[in-house]
């Protein structure tokens, strides 16, 4: 038989704990906001802020900007060197049987129909196209026209850190965008803040960072920015979502206590 008095005491103790937790949570949110401002304004680096540590090496200056230009070390896709493990899409004009989507192996080579092994790693895209055209023109095709696309570049990667479902380092192509990178990380965690997405990019004079609203990007109010190799995308926690998550857990405990009449 359920003890009504025990249920009342359990509920009272639960509420007391929840309000105490809320006070800590609010304090933590304020401290988090202060930390974020410090990171973005003066470049300070508290040791407990791992996303910032992942984005700078301690000697860089950090500047908050409203627009993030392409990196000054960026090179066009035409002079990007193919690397081992890159995924290539090879299109032979009007000869569909020779088209391939193929990964560069550990030796830096690819295997193509008729011509066999071709060394690919270390070549630029135009160089590989010329190599393939020359090999096919020797015995098989008259005036072949071959186009090579880099579908996935092992050397071109971005870091996705913080409140994502699967934070990590992900490959990108020369067309990858912020939403593409976030999709690879399976989106935000349940407590991730859509208004606090920071994109860090390294330049010769330091690191610059821009704050991006995922809601605005998804709604088309802001552009979906392109990401470049070496970029870091960081998502912070939402104080509101953390509070809501804690409230759901607290209500779940209250329901359990009321059902079984057990003190917490």
Protein backbone atom coordinates (compact mmCIF):
# COMPACT_ATOMS: atom_id res chain seq x y z
CA UNK A 1 0.00 0.00 0.00
CA UNK A 2 1.30 3.43 -0.96
CA UNK A 3 2.32 5.65 1.95
CA UNK A 4 0.92 9.10 1.16
CA UNK A 5 3.20 10.84 3.66
CA UNK A 6 6.27 9.25 2.09
CA UNK A 7 5.18 10.43 -1.34
CA UNK A 8 4.79 14.01 -0.05
CA UNK A 9 8.24 13.98 1.53
CA UNK A 10 9.75 12.52 -1.65
CA UNK A 11 8.14 15.23 -3.78
CA UNK A 12 9.30 17.97 -1.40
CA UNK A 13 12.87 16.70 -1.39
CA UNK A 14 12.80 16.41 -5.18
CA UNK A 15 11.65 20.01 -5.59
CA UNK A 16 14.33 21.22 -3.19
CA UNK A 17 16.98 19.39 -5.19
CA UNK A 18 15.63 20.70 -8.46
CA UNK A 19 15.66 24.33 -7.31
CA UNK A 20 19.20 23.93 -5.99
CA UNK A 21 20.21 22.42 -9.31
CA UNK A 22 18.55 25.29 -11.18
CA UNK A 23 20.57 27.81 -9.18
CA UNK A 24 23.79 26.02 -10.07
CA UNK A 25 22.68 25.77 -13.67
CA UNK A 26 21.98 29.48 -14.00
CA UNK A 27 25.34 30.27 -12.45
CA UNK A 28 27.01 27.85 -14.83
CA UNK A 29 25.27 29.39 -17.84
CA UNK A 30 26.42 32.84 -16.83
CA UNK A 31 29.97 31.61 -16.36
CA UNK A 32 29.81 29.85 -19.73
CA UNK A 33 28.68 33.03 -21.48
CA UNK A 34 31.47 34.99 -19.76
CA UNK A 35 33.99 32.38 -20.89
CA UNK A 36 32.71 32.53 -24.45
CA UNK A 37 33.05 36.32 -24.50
CA UNK A 38 36.58 36.04 -23.12
CA UNK A 39 37.54 33.59 -25.84
CA UNK A 40 36.17 35.79 -28.56
CA UNK A 41 37.37 39.17 -27.31
CA UNK A 42 40.83 38.86 -25.79
CA UNK A 43 41.92 35.39 -26.86
CA UNK A 44 42.32 34.10 -23.31
CA UNK A 45 42.30 30.34 -23.05
CA UNK A 46 40.97 28.85 -19.80
CA UNK A 47 42.27 25.30 -19.53
CA UNK A 48 38.79 23.81 -19.15
CA UNK A 49 37.53 25.12 -22.49
CA UNK A 50 38.48 22.27 -24.81
CA UNK A 51 36.91 23.61 -28.04
CA UNK A 52 39.16 26.68 -27.92
CA UNK A 53 42.22 24.56 -27.21
CA UNK A 54 41.38 22.49 -30.29
CA UNK A 55 41.23 25.60 -32.43
CA UNK A 56 44.42 27.44 -31.49
CA UNK A 57 47.90 26.55 -30.33
CA UNK A 58 48.13 29.18 -27.61
CA UNK A 59 50.38 31.56 -29.55
CA UNK A 60 47.79 32.66 -32.11
CA UNK A 61 45.73 35.80 -31.79
CA UNK A 62 41.98 35.24 -31.95
CA UNK A 63 39.74 37.77 -33.63
CA UNK A 64 35.95 37.67 -33.78
CA UNK A 65 34.60 38.73 -37.17
CA UNK A 66 31.20 39.07 -38.82
CA UNK A 67 32.46 37.66 -42.13
CA UNK A 68 34.99 34.85 -42.51
CA UNK A 69 36.93 35.01 -45.80
CA UNK A 70 38.59 31.99 -47.42
CA UNK A 71 41.96 31.09 -45.87
CA UNK A 72 44.89 32.99 -47.36
CA UNK A 73 46.72 29.69 -47.83
CA UNK A 74 43.85 28.17 -49.79
CA UNK A 75 44.71 26.80 -53.19
CA UNK A 76 42.32 26.06 -56.01
CA UNK A 77 41.19 22.51 -56.68
CA UNK A 78 43.23 22.55 -59.89
CA UNK A 79 46.52 22.51 -57.97
CA UNK A 80 45.43 20.27 -55.10
CA UNK A 81 47.59 17.17 -54.91
CA UNK A 82 45.81 13.83 -54.86
CA UNK A 83 46.56 11.82 -51.71
CA UNK A 84 46.38 8.20 -50.65
CA UNK A 85 42.83 7.13 -49.69
CA UNK A 86 41.23 9.94 -51.72
CA UNK A 87 38.00 8.90 -53.41
CA UNK A 88 38.03 9.84 -57.09
CA UNK A 89 35.25 9.95 -59.65
CA UNK A 90 36.62 9.43 -63.16
CA UNK A 91 34.45 10.24 -66.16
CA UNK A 92 35.51 9.14 -69.66
CA UNK A 93 33.51 11.20 -72.15
CA UNK A 94 31.07 9.07 -74.19
CA UNK A 95 32.58 5.81 -72.88
CA UNK A 96 30.40 5.05 -69.85
CA UNK A 97 31.87 1.55 -69.47
CA UNK A 98 35.15 3.08 -68.34
CA UNK A 99 33.66 5.47 -65.77
CA UNK A 100 34.74 4.69 -62.24
CA UNK A 101 34.39 5.87 -58.65
CA UNK A 102 37.56 4.55 -57.10
CA UNK A 103 39.68 5.08 -54.00
CA UNK A 104 43.43 5.67 -54.20
CA UNK A 105 45.05 2.70 -52.47
CA UNK A 106 47.75 2.66 -49.79
CA UNK A 107 50.43 2.62 -52.50
CA UNK A 108 49.01 5.77 -54.08
CA UNK A 109 47.66 3.96 -57.14
CA UNK A 110 44.33 3.30 -58.85
CA UNK A 111 43.35 0.48 -61.20
CA UNK A 112 41.48 1.38 -64.38
CA UNK A 113 39.90 -0.88 -67.02
CA UNK A 114 42.18 -1.86 -69.92
CA UNK A 115 45.20 0.19 -68.78
CA UNK A 116 45.60 -1.31 -65.30
CA UNK A 117 47.57 0.36 -62.50
CA UNK A 118 48.05 4.14 -62.60
CA UNK A 119 50.03 6.11 -60.01
CA UNK A 120 47.71 8.88 -58.78
CA UNK A 121 48.95 10.16 -55.41
CA UNK A 122 51.09 13.26 -55.73
CA UNK A 123 49.60 14.32 -59.04
CA UNK A 124 47.32 17.30 -59.49
CA UNK A 125 43.89 16.71 -60.98
CA UNK A 126 44.92 18.08 -64.44
CA UNK A 127 48.06 15.93 -64.35
CA UNK A 128 46.10 12.76 -63.60
CA UNK A 129 43.61 13.61 -66.34
CA UNK A 130 46.49 13.99 -68.81
CA UNK A 131 48.09 10.73 -67.63
CA UNK A 132 44.86 8.81 -68.14
CA UNK A 133 44.22 10.37 -71.54
CA UNK A 134 47.74 9.48 -72.68
CA UNK A 135 47.45 5.87 -71.49
CA UNK A 136 44.07 5.34 -73.13
CA UNK A 137 45.15 7.08 -76.36
CA UNK A 138 48.09 4.69 -76.82
CA UNK A 139 46.05 1.60 -77.67
CA UNK A 140 42.35 2.03 -76.94
CA UNK A 141 40.72 5.42 -77.57
CA UNK A 142 41.04 8.14 -80.15
CA UNK A 143 41.33 11.60 -78.59
CA UNK A 144 39.94 10.60 -75.14
CA UNK A 145 38.52 13.30 -72.88
CA UNK A 146 38.71 12.41 -69.22
CA UNK A 147 37.54 14.39 -66.21
CA UNK A 148 38.58 13.63 -62.63
CA UNK A 149 36.64 14.79 -59.56
CA UNK A 150 37.75 14.43 -55.95
CA UNK A 151 34.68 13.06 -54.19
CA UNK A 152 36.41 12.70 -50.82
CA UNK A 153 39.84 14.00 -49.92
CA UNK A 154 41.77 12.30 -47.15
CA UNK A 155 44.02 15.36 -46.83
CA UNK A 156 41.12 17.82 -46.71
CA UNK A 157 39.49 17.57 -43.28
CA UNK A 158 37.63 19.66 -40.73
CA UNK A 159 37.28 19.25 -36.97
CA UNK A 160 33.74 19.17 -35.55
CA UNK A 161 33.89 19.65 -31.77
CA UNK A 162 31.63 20.29 -28.80
CA UNK A 163 27.91 19.55 -28.59
CA UNK A 164 27.45 17.29 -31.62
CA UNK A 165 26.14 13.74 -31.69
CA UNK A 166 29.45 12.46 -33.10
CA UNK A 167 32.24 15.00 -32.76
CA UNK A 168 35.31 14.15 -34.77
CA UNK A 169 37.48 14.90 -37.78
CA UNK A 170 35.71 14.54 -41.12
CA UNK A 171 36.80 14.62 -44.77
CA UNK A 172 35.50 17.37 -47.04
CA UNK A 173 35.57 18.21 -50.72
CA UNK A 174 36.12 21.55 -52.43
CA UNK A 175 32.33 22.04 -52.36
CA UNK A 176 31.63 21.10 -48.72
CA UNK A 177 29.60 23.52 -46.60
CA UNK A 178 28.96 24.03 -42.90
CA UNK A 179 25.73 22.00 -43.06
CA UNK A 180 27.56 19.18 -44.86
CA UNK A 181 30.13 18.98 -42.06
CA UNK A 182 27.47 19.09 -39.34
CA UNK A 183 25.50 16.36 -41.12
CA UNK A 184 28.57 14.11 -40.98
CA UNK A 185 28.62 14.66 -37.20
CA UNK A 186 24.93 13.61 -37.07
CA UNK A 187 23.77 17.08 -36.02
CA UNK A 188 23.65 18.74 -32.62
CA UNK A 189 23.40 16.86 -29.35
CA UNK A 190 20.14 17.26 -27.37
CA UNK A 191 21.65 20.21 -25.46
CA UNK A 192 23.49 21.86 -28.38
CA UNK A 193 22.70 25.54 -29.00
CA UNK A 194 21.72 26.32 -32.61
CA UNK A 195 22.58 29.98 -32.01
CA UNK A 196 26.09 29.29 -30.72
CA UNK A 197 27.89 27.62 -33.60
CA UNK A 198 31.42 29.00 -34.01
CA UNK A 199 33.53 28.51 -37.14
CA UNK A 200 37.27 28.95 -36.54
CA UNK A 201 39.74 29.47 -39.42
CA UNK A 202 43.49 29.90 -39.32
CA UNK A 203 45.23 32.68 -41.24
CA UNK A 204 48.85 33.75 -41.48
CA UNK A 205 48.28 36.43 -38.81
CA UNK A 206 46.19 34.34 -36.40
CA UNK A 207 42.81 32.67 -36.00
CA UNK A 208 39.48 34.28 -36.82
CA UNK A 209 36.09 33.08 -35.68
CA UNK A 210 32.53 33.85 -36.70
CA UNK A 211 29.34 33.00 -34.84
CA UNK A 212 26.66 31.35 -36.95
CA UNK A 213 22.98 30.66 -36.30
CA UNK A 214 21.96 27.27 -37.67
CA UNK A 215 18.33 28.36 -37.59
CA UNK A 216 19.08 31.29 -39.88
CA UNK A 217 21.15 29.15 -42.23
CA UNK A 218 18.49 26.45 -42.49
CA UNK A 219 15.77 29.03 -43.02
CA UNK A 220 17.74 30.70 -45.80
CA UNK A 221 18.14 33.96 -43.91
CA UNK A 222 21.92 33.52 -43.84
CA UNK A 223 24.20 31.79 -46.40
CA UNK A 224 25.45 28.28 -45.82
CA UNK A 225 29.22 28.98 -45.71
CA UNK A 226 31.79 26.83 -47.41
CA UNK A 227 34.29 25.09 -45.13
CA UNK A 228 37.98 24.62 -45.86
CA UNK A 229 40.62 22.14 -44.77
CA UNK A 230 41.81 22.94 -41.25
CA UNK A 231 38.58 24.64 -40.15
CA UNK A 232 37.15 23.89 -36.71
CA UNK A 233 33.40 23.96 -36.00
CA UNK A 234 32.41 24.22 -32.34
CA UNK A 235 28.94 23.99 -30.78
CA UNK A 236 28.30 25.12 -27.20
CA UNK A 237 25.60 24.02 -24.79
CA UNK A 238 22.26 25.80 -24.58
CA UNK A 239 21.42 26.77 -21.00
CA UNK A 240 17.72 26.53 -21.85
CA UNK A 241 18.09 23.03 -23.29
CA UNK A 242 20.19 21.86 -20.35
CA UNK A 243 17.51 23.15 -17.95
CA UNK A 244 14.78 21.44 -19.96
CA UNK A 245 16.73 18.17 -20.00
CA UNK A 246 17.21 18.34 -16.22
CA UNK A 247 13.53 19.16 -15.74
CA UNK A 248 12.50 16.10 -17.75
CA UNK A 249 14.80 13.93 -15.67
CA UNK A 250 13.45 15.47 -12.46
CA UNK A 251 9.86 14.92 -13.53
CA UNK A 252 10.72 11.34 -14.39
CA UNK A 253 12.07 10.82 -10.87
CA UNK A 254 8.94 12.44 -9.40
CA UNK A 255 6.71 10.12 -11.40
CA UNK A 256 8.68 7.11 -10.20
CA UNK A 257 8.55 8.26 -6.57
CA UNK A 258 4.80 8.90 -6.74
CA UNK A 259 4.18 5.52 -8.32
CA UNK A 260 6.09 3.50 -5.76
CA UNK A 261 5.93 5.78 -2.73
CA UNK A 262 9.70 5.66 -2.23
CA UNK A 263 11.65 8.60 -0.68
CA UNK A 264 14.55 9.99 -2.78
